[in-house]
Amino acid sequence: MDTLVRLATRLPEPSNYFAGTGAEPWCWPLNLIAFARRTRHDLQRRTFESRLHTRYVLVINLGTPGTLNLDSTPYPLRPGECHLIFPHQLHTYHDVAAEEILWLFLTFELPDETPLRILRQNTVALDAGMHQLLADFLAAYRTRQTTPHRLQSLLSDLLLRMVQAAGRSSGRKSKEPRRDDRLLDKIHRHHARALPDALTVQRLAPALGLSESRLRARFRQTFGLSLGEYLHNLRLQEAVAMMRHSEASLTEIALSCGFGSSSAFSRAFRNWSGTSPRHFRQALGR
């Protein structure tokens, strides 16, 4: 109390009662979920099987090196490093060094991405303060012996430290794409060239110099999902990007993304996301 009294008595009189200190409004994460992936197979399978990706996902590597591929850009993720995935970013995991892993995931919603924008291109190394915030968060989350505001405060503090760390460094991307990176990059490039037609495995295989059976087997062995389903999801992700960033009609989007009609697009989108394209776009305020 003595220290508090001493500091309080030394406060100067404000020169302006309406001009204080403080930065731009900071983020307050909502609807928090935490979970872990413990095997490479589960990590890759669940990612490729995921549907519409509308949340922020903080990926924290606690044990085994691997690569996080975001929108065709590979980011090596070493133990003790983390990376934030933004809504609607197409992401995959590969070149994971072992079958037994421990990767932590914190997912949440946020009304405005502006405060976190610097984290789009930055992989951040965890410092001692971040480790402690994560430990406090997980202990509180696991026991639920705290208020939701406490969890939000801990995650908000962690994100702030990540933003500060990213501001002191430049983003680190893979300089030499590895085998799996190159395969995905080629698939994405052929997909982009094929639009507005749908890229099929039959069309893709000869372009990559492989038989259909060999390409399908290699993709499933590497990523744990059928290549046909992955190509289908790529078109839907393309449609989501157009709904977010263009004024094109839903019919124009359907045809631009390789769907034969707006009704075919609507059925595929509903099966994938659980909602119709129209309702999804309305939720975006467009």
Protein backbone atom coordinates (compact mmCIF):
# COMPACT_ATOMS: atom_id res chain seq x y z
CA MET A 1 0.00 0.00 0.00
CA ASP A 2 2.86 2.40 0.79
CA THR A 3 4.21 2.08 -2.74
CA LEU A 4 0.79 2.70 -4.21
CA VAL A 5 0.28 5.79 -2.07
CA ARG A 6 3.72 7.15 -3.01
CA LEU A 7 3.11 6.67 -6.74
CA ALA A 8 -0.38 8.14 -6.57
CA THR A 9 0.80 11.31 -4.82
CA ARG A 10 3.39 11.87 -7.58
CA LEU A 11 0.87 11.90 -10.41
CA PRO A 12 0.91 15.23 -12.29
CA GLU A 13 -2.23 17.22 -13.04
CA PRO A 14 -3.47 16.46 -16.62
CA SER A 15 -3.08 19.32 -19.07
CA ASN A 16 -6.12 18.08 -20.98
CA TYR A 17 -8.88 16.01 -19.40
CA PHE A 18 -10.08 14.75 -22.82
CA ALA A 19 -6.78 13.65 -24.40
CA GLY A 20 -5.33 10.54 -22.82
CA THR A 21 -3.01 7.73 -23.73
CA GLY A 22 -3.93 4.50 -25.54
CA ALA A 23 -3.53 2.81 -28.89
CA GLU A 24 -6.14 1.78 -31.43
CA PRO A 25 -8.84 -0.61 -30.11
CA TRP A 26 -7.30 -4.02 -29.44
CA CYS A 27 -8.85 -7.38 -30.29
CA TRP A 28 -11.14 -9.30 -27.94
CA PRO A 29 -11.37 -12.92 -29.20
CA LEU A 30 -14.76 -14.63 -28.99
CA ASN A 31 -16.06 -18.22 -28.90
CA LEU A 32 -12.75 -19.84 -27.92
CA ILE A 33 -11.98 -23.53 -28.56
CA ALA A 34 -8.73 -25.36 -27.74
CA PHE A 35 -7.65 -28.84 -28.87
CA ALA A 36 -4.53 -30.82 -29.84
CA ARG A 37 -3.49 -33.10 -32.67
CA ARG A 38 -1.29 -36.01 -31.63
CA THR A 39 -0.64 -37.89 -34.89
CA ARG A 40 0.41 -36.78 -38.35
CA HIS A 41 -2.39 -38.80 -39.93
CA ASP A 42 -5.05 -37.14 -37.82
CA LEU A 43 -3.61 -33.69 -38.48
CA GLN A 44 -3.64 -34.08 -42.24
CA ARG A 45 -6.90 -36.02 -42.54
CA ARG A 46 -8.95 -33.65 -40.42
CA THR A 47 -7.55 -30.61 -42.21
CA PHE A 48 -8.39 -31.88 -45.67
CA GLU A 49 -11.82 -33.03 -44.54
CA SER A 50 -12.65 -29.65 -42.97
CA ARG A 51 -15.46 -27.70 -44.55
CA LEU A 52 -15.97 -23.97 -44.69
CA HIS A 53 -13.19 -22.37 -42.68
CA THR A 54 -14.58 -19.22 -41.03
CA ARG A 55 -12.57 -18.96 -37.79
CA TYR A 56 -9.10 -17.83 -36.79
CA VAL A 57 -6.82 -20.77 -36.01
CA LEU A 58 -3.67 -20.28 -33.96
CA VAL A 59 -1.37 -23.26 -34.68
CA ILE A 60 1.33 -23.91 -32.06
CA ASN A 61 3.95 -26.59 -32.67
CA LEU A 62 4.90 -28.27 -29.40
CA GLY A 63 6.91 -31.18 -30.66
CA THR A 64 7.54 -32.16 -34.29
CA PRO A 65 8.74 -30.05 -37.25
CA GLY A 66 6.39 -29.71 -40.19
CA THR A 67 5.19 -27.31 -42.86
CA LEU A 68 2.04 -25.22 -42.82
CA ASN A 69 0.93 -24.35 -46.36
CA LEU A 70 -1.26 -21.23 -46.51
CA ASP A 71 -2.79 -20.31 -49.87
CA SER A 72 0.08 -22.14 -51.63
CA THR A 73 2.80 -20.44 -49.52
CA PRO A 74 4.78 -22.86 -47.32
CA TYR A 75 5.77 -21.83 -43.79
CA PRO A 76 8.09 -24.24 -41.94
CA LEU A 77 6.82 -24.65 -38.39
CA ARG A 78 9.39 -25.80 -35.87
CA PRO A 79 8.82 -26.79 -32.24
CA GLY A 80 8.25 -23.65 -30.19
CA GLU A 81 6.80 -21.69 -33.11
CA CYS A 82 3.26 -20.62 -33.94
CA HIS A 83 1.33 -19.18 -36.89
CA LEU A 84 -2.12 -17.63 -37.16
CA ILE A 85 -4.45 -18.83 -39.92
CA PHE A 86 -7.09 -16.29 -40.95
CA PRO A 87 -10.67 -17.12 -42.00
CA HIS A 88 -11.07 -18.64 -45.47
CA GLN A 89 -7.33 -19.27 -45.92
CA LEU A 90 -6.78 -22.60 -47.64
CA HIS A 91 -4.36 -24.45 -45.37
CA THR A 92 -2.71 -27.87 -45.34
CA TYR A 93 0.02 -29.57 -43.31
CA HIS A 94 2.79 -31.67 -44.74
CA ASP A 95 6.46 -32.67 -44.44
CA VAL A 96 5.66 -33.54 -40.82
CA ALA A 97 8.78 -35.27 -39.51
CA ALA A 98 7.17 -38.07 -37.47
CA GLU A 99 3.87 -39.85 -36.98
CA GLU A 100 3.66 -38.96 -33.27
CA ILE A 101 3.23 -35.20 -32.88
CA LEU A 102 1.86 -32.61 -30.48
CA TRP A 103 0.40 -29.54 -32.18
CA LEU A 104 -1.87 -27.23 -30.22
CA PHE A 105 -4.79 -25.35 -31.83
CA LEU A 106 -6.62 -22.34 -30.42
CA THR A 107 -9.54 -21.24 -32.59
CA PHE A 108 -11.68 -18.16 -32.14
CA GLU A 109 -13.79 -15.50 -33.83
CA LEU A 110 -12.98 -11.81 -34.18
CA PRO A 111 -15.11 -8.94 -35.50
CA ASP A 112 -12.16 -7.10 -37.07
CA GLU A 113 -8.89 -8.54 -38.33
CA THR A 114 -7.07 -5.19 -38.52
CA PRO A 115 -5.10 -5.50 -35.23
CA LEU A 116 -3.74 -8.91 -36.27
CA ARG A 117 -3.01 -8.21 -39.92
CA ILE A 118 0.77 -8.34 -39.48
CA LEU A 119 0.45 -11.99 -38.44
CA ARG A 120 -0.72 -13.08 -41.90
CA GLN A 121 2.86 -13.46 -43.13
CA ASN A 122 4.72 -14.12 -39.89
CA THR A 123 5.68 -17.26 -38.06
CA VAL A 124 6.40 -16.30 -34.45
CA ALA A 125 8.77 -17.99 -31.99
CA LEU A 126 7.29 -18.38 -28.53
CA ASP A 127 9.15 -16.49 -25.80
CA ALA A 128 8.97 -17.15 -22.05
CA GLY A 129 6.05 -14.76 -21.60
CA MET A 130 4.05 -16.47 -24.36
CA HIS A 131 4.79 -19.88 -22.85
CA GLN A 132 3.42 -18.71 -19.51
CA LEU A 133 0.29 -17.21 -21.08
CA LEU A 134 -0.35 -20.46 -22.95
CA ALA A 135 0.16 -22.53 -19.81
CA ASP A 136 -2.22 -20.30 -17.85
CA PHE A 137 -4.77 -20.43 -20.68
CA LEU A 138 -4.68 -24.24 -20.99
CA ALA A 139 -4.88 -24.77 -17.23
CA ALA A 140 -7.90 -22.49 -16.99
CA TYR A 141 -9.52 -23.91 -20.13
CA ARG A 142 -9.10 -27.53 -19.06
CA THR A 143 -10.54 -27.10 -15.57
CA ARG A 144 -13.09 -24.42 -16.51
CA GLN A 145 -12.37 -22.92 -13.07
CA THR A 146 -12.37 -19.37 -14.39
CA THR A 147 -14.61 -16.87 -16.13
CA PRO A 148 -14.81 -16.69 -19.93
CA HIS A 149 -13.40 -13.15 -19.67
CA ARG A 150 -10.25 -14.54 -18.06
CA LEU A 151 -9.69 -16.88 -21.02
CA GLN A 152 -10.33 -14.04 -23.45
CA SER A 153 -7.88 -11.82 -21.60
CA LEU A 154 -5.14 -14.47 -21.65
CA LEU A 155 -5.55 -15.13 -25.38
CA SER A 156 -5.72 -11.41 -26.12
CA ASP A 157 -2.44 -10.88 -24.23
CA LEU A 158 -0.84 -13.74 -26.17
CA LEU A 159 -1.92 -12.29 -29.51
CA LEU A 160 -0.58 -8.88 -28.50
CA ARG A 161 2.83 -10.36 -27.71
CA MET A 162 2.78 -12.15 -31.07
CA VAL A 163 1.99 -8.91 -32.91
CA GLN A 164 4.84 -7.15 -31.10
CA ALA A 165 7.24 -9.98 -31.94
CA ALA A 166 6.15 -9.96 -35.60
CA GLY A 167 6.73 -6.21 -35.73
CA ARG A 168 10.35 -6.77 -34.75
CA SER A 169 11.00 -9.34 -37.46
CA SER A 170 10.14 -10.14 -41.05
CA GLY A 171 8.01 -13.06 -42.19
CA ARG A 172 9.87 -16.31 -42.76
CA LYS A 173 8.80 -18.37 -45.75
CA SER A 174 10.23 -21.54 -47.17
CA LYS A 175 12.96 -20.66 -49.69
CA GLU A 176 13.24 -24.14 -51.15
CA PRO A 177 9.86 -25.82 -51.58
CA ARG A 178 10.00 -29.50 -50.74
CA ARG A 179 8.41 -32.34 -52.67
CA ASP A 180 4.94 -32.02 -51.15
CA ASP A 181 5.02 -28.22 -51.51
CA ARG A 182 5.84 -28.56 -55.20
CA LEU A 183 3.01 -31.03 -55.78
CA LEU A 184 0.41 -28.76 -54.18
CA ASP A 185 1.80 -25.71 -55.95
CA LYS A 186 1.50 -27.45 -59.33
CA ILE A 187 -2.04 -28.56 -58.57
CA HIS A 188 -3.04 -25.03 -57.55
CA ARG A 189 -1.49 -23.52 -60.69
CA HIS A 190 -3.25 -25.98 -63.00
CA HIS A 191 -6.50 -25.36 -61.10
CA ALA A 192 -6.18 -21.60 -61.67
CA ARG A 193 -5.41 -22.08 -65.37
CA ALA A 194 -8.35 -24.43 -65.89
CA LEU A 195 -11.00 -22.03 -64.53
CA PRO A 196 -13.77 -21.47 -65.42
CA ASP A 197 -13.68 -25.18 -66.29
CA ALA A 198 -13.43 -27.72 -63.48
CA LEU A 199 -10.01 -29.33 -63.26
CA THR A 200 -10.34 -33.11 -63.23
CA VAL A 201 -7.86 -35.78 -62.24
CA GLN A 202 -8.03 -37.07 -65.81
CA ARG A 203 -6.89 -33.69 -67.09
CA LEU A 204 -4.36 -33.05 -64.34
CA ALA A 205 -2.46 -36.36 -64.44
CA PRO A 206 -0.89 -36.02 -67.92
CA ALA A 207 -0.03 -32.38 -67.20
CA LEU A 208 2.03 -33.61 -64.23
CA GLY A 209 3.55 -36.48 -66.16
CA LEU A 210 1.84 -39.16 -64.08
CA SER A 211 -0.80 -41.79 -64.66
CA GLU A 212 -4.17 -41.18 -63.02
CA SER A 213 -3.75 -44.13 -60.67
CA ARG A 214 -0.23 -43.07 -59.68
CA LEU A 215 -1.30 -39.45 -59.03
CA ARG A 216 -4.35 -40.50 -57.00
CA ALA A 217 -2.28 -42.93 -54.93
CA ARG A 218 0.51 -40.44 -54.31
CA PHE A 219 -1.90 -37.72 -53.22
CA ARG A 220 -3.85 -40.00 -50.88
CA GLN A 221 -0.65 -41.44 -49.40
CA THR A 222 0.75 -37.95 -48.77
CA PHE A 223 -2.35 -36.09 -47.60
CA GLY A 224 -4.84 -38.77 -46.55
CA LEU A 225 -7.63 -37.57 -48.85
CA SER A 226 -8.78 -38.29 -52.39
CA LEU A 227 -7.47 -35.89 -55.01
CA GLY A 228 -10.94 -35.58 -56.55
CA GLU A 229 -12.38 -34.30 -53.26
CA TYR A 230 -9.49 -31.88 -52.86
CA LEU A 231 -10.06 -30.40 -56.34
CA HIS A 232 -13.75 -30.08 -55.54
CA ASN A 233 -12.93 -28.20 -52.32
CA LEU A 234 -10.55 -25.90 -54.21
CA ARG A 235 -13.41 -24.73 -56.41
CA LEU A 236 -15.58 -24.08 -53.38
CA GLN A 237 -12.79 -22.11 -51.70
CA GLU A 238 -12.45 -20.08 -54.89
CA ALA A 239 -16.17 -19.35 -54.75
CA VAL A 240 -15.89 -18.21 -51.12
CA ALA A 241 -13.12 -15.78 -52.07
CA MET A 242 -15.27 -14.35 -54.86
CA MET A 243 -18.28 -13.98 -52.56
CA ARG A 244 -16.13 -12.07 -50.10
CA HIS A 245 -14.22 -9.83 -52.49
CA SER A 246 -16.28 -9.33 -55.65
CA GLU A 247 -19.67 -7.98 -56.66
CA ALA A 248 -20.30 -10.86 -59.07
CA SER A 249 -23.70 -12.55 -58.90
CA LEU A 250 -23.97 -16.06 -57.49
CA THR A 251 -24.62 -17.38 -61.00
CA GLU A 252 -21.47 -15.68 -62.29
CA ILE A 253 -19.50 -17.09 -59.37
CA ALA A 254 -20.86 -20.58 -59.98
CA LEU A 255 -19.85 -20.54 -63.64
CA SER A 256 -16.47 -18.91 -62.93
CA CYS A 257 -15.58 -21.64 -60.44
CA GLY A 258 -16.35 -24.60 -62.66
CA PHE A 259 -19.91 -25.42 -61.63
CA GLY A 260 -22.31 -26.10 -64.48
CA SER A 261 -25.16 -24.07 -63.00
CA SER A 262 -26.13 -22.00 -59.99
CA SER A 263 -28.26 -24.88 -58.67
CA ALA A 264 -25.32 -27.30 -58.88
CA PHE A 265 -23.17 -24.77 -57.06
CA SER A 266 -25.81 -24.21 -54.40
CA ARG A 267 -26.13 -27.96 -53.71
CA ALA A 268 -22.36 -28.42 -53.50
CA PHE A 269 -21.91 -25.39 -51.27
CA ARG A 270 -24.69 -26.45 -48.88
CA ASN A 271 -23.25 -29.97 -48.58
CA TRP A 272 -19.82 -28.48 -47.88
CA SER A 273 -20.72 -25.64 -45.52
CA GLY A 274 -24.16 -26.42 -44.12
CA THR A 275 -25.64 -23.20 -45.48
CA SER A 276 -26.64 -21.79 -48.86
CA PRO A 277 -24.42 -19.40 -50.85
CA ARG A 278 -27.09 -16.72 -50.53
CA HIS A 279 -27.23 -16.97 -46.73
CA PHE A 280 -23.45 -17.07 -46.51
CA ARG A 281 -23.14 -13.90 -48.56
CA GLN A 282 -25.83 -12.17 -46.52
CA ALA A 283 -23.90 -13.02 -43.36
CA LEU A 284 -20.89 -11.26 -44.89
CA GLY A 285 -23.02 -8.13 -45.32
CA ARG A 286 -22.72 -8.18 -49.11
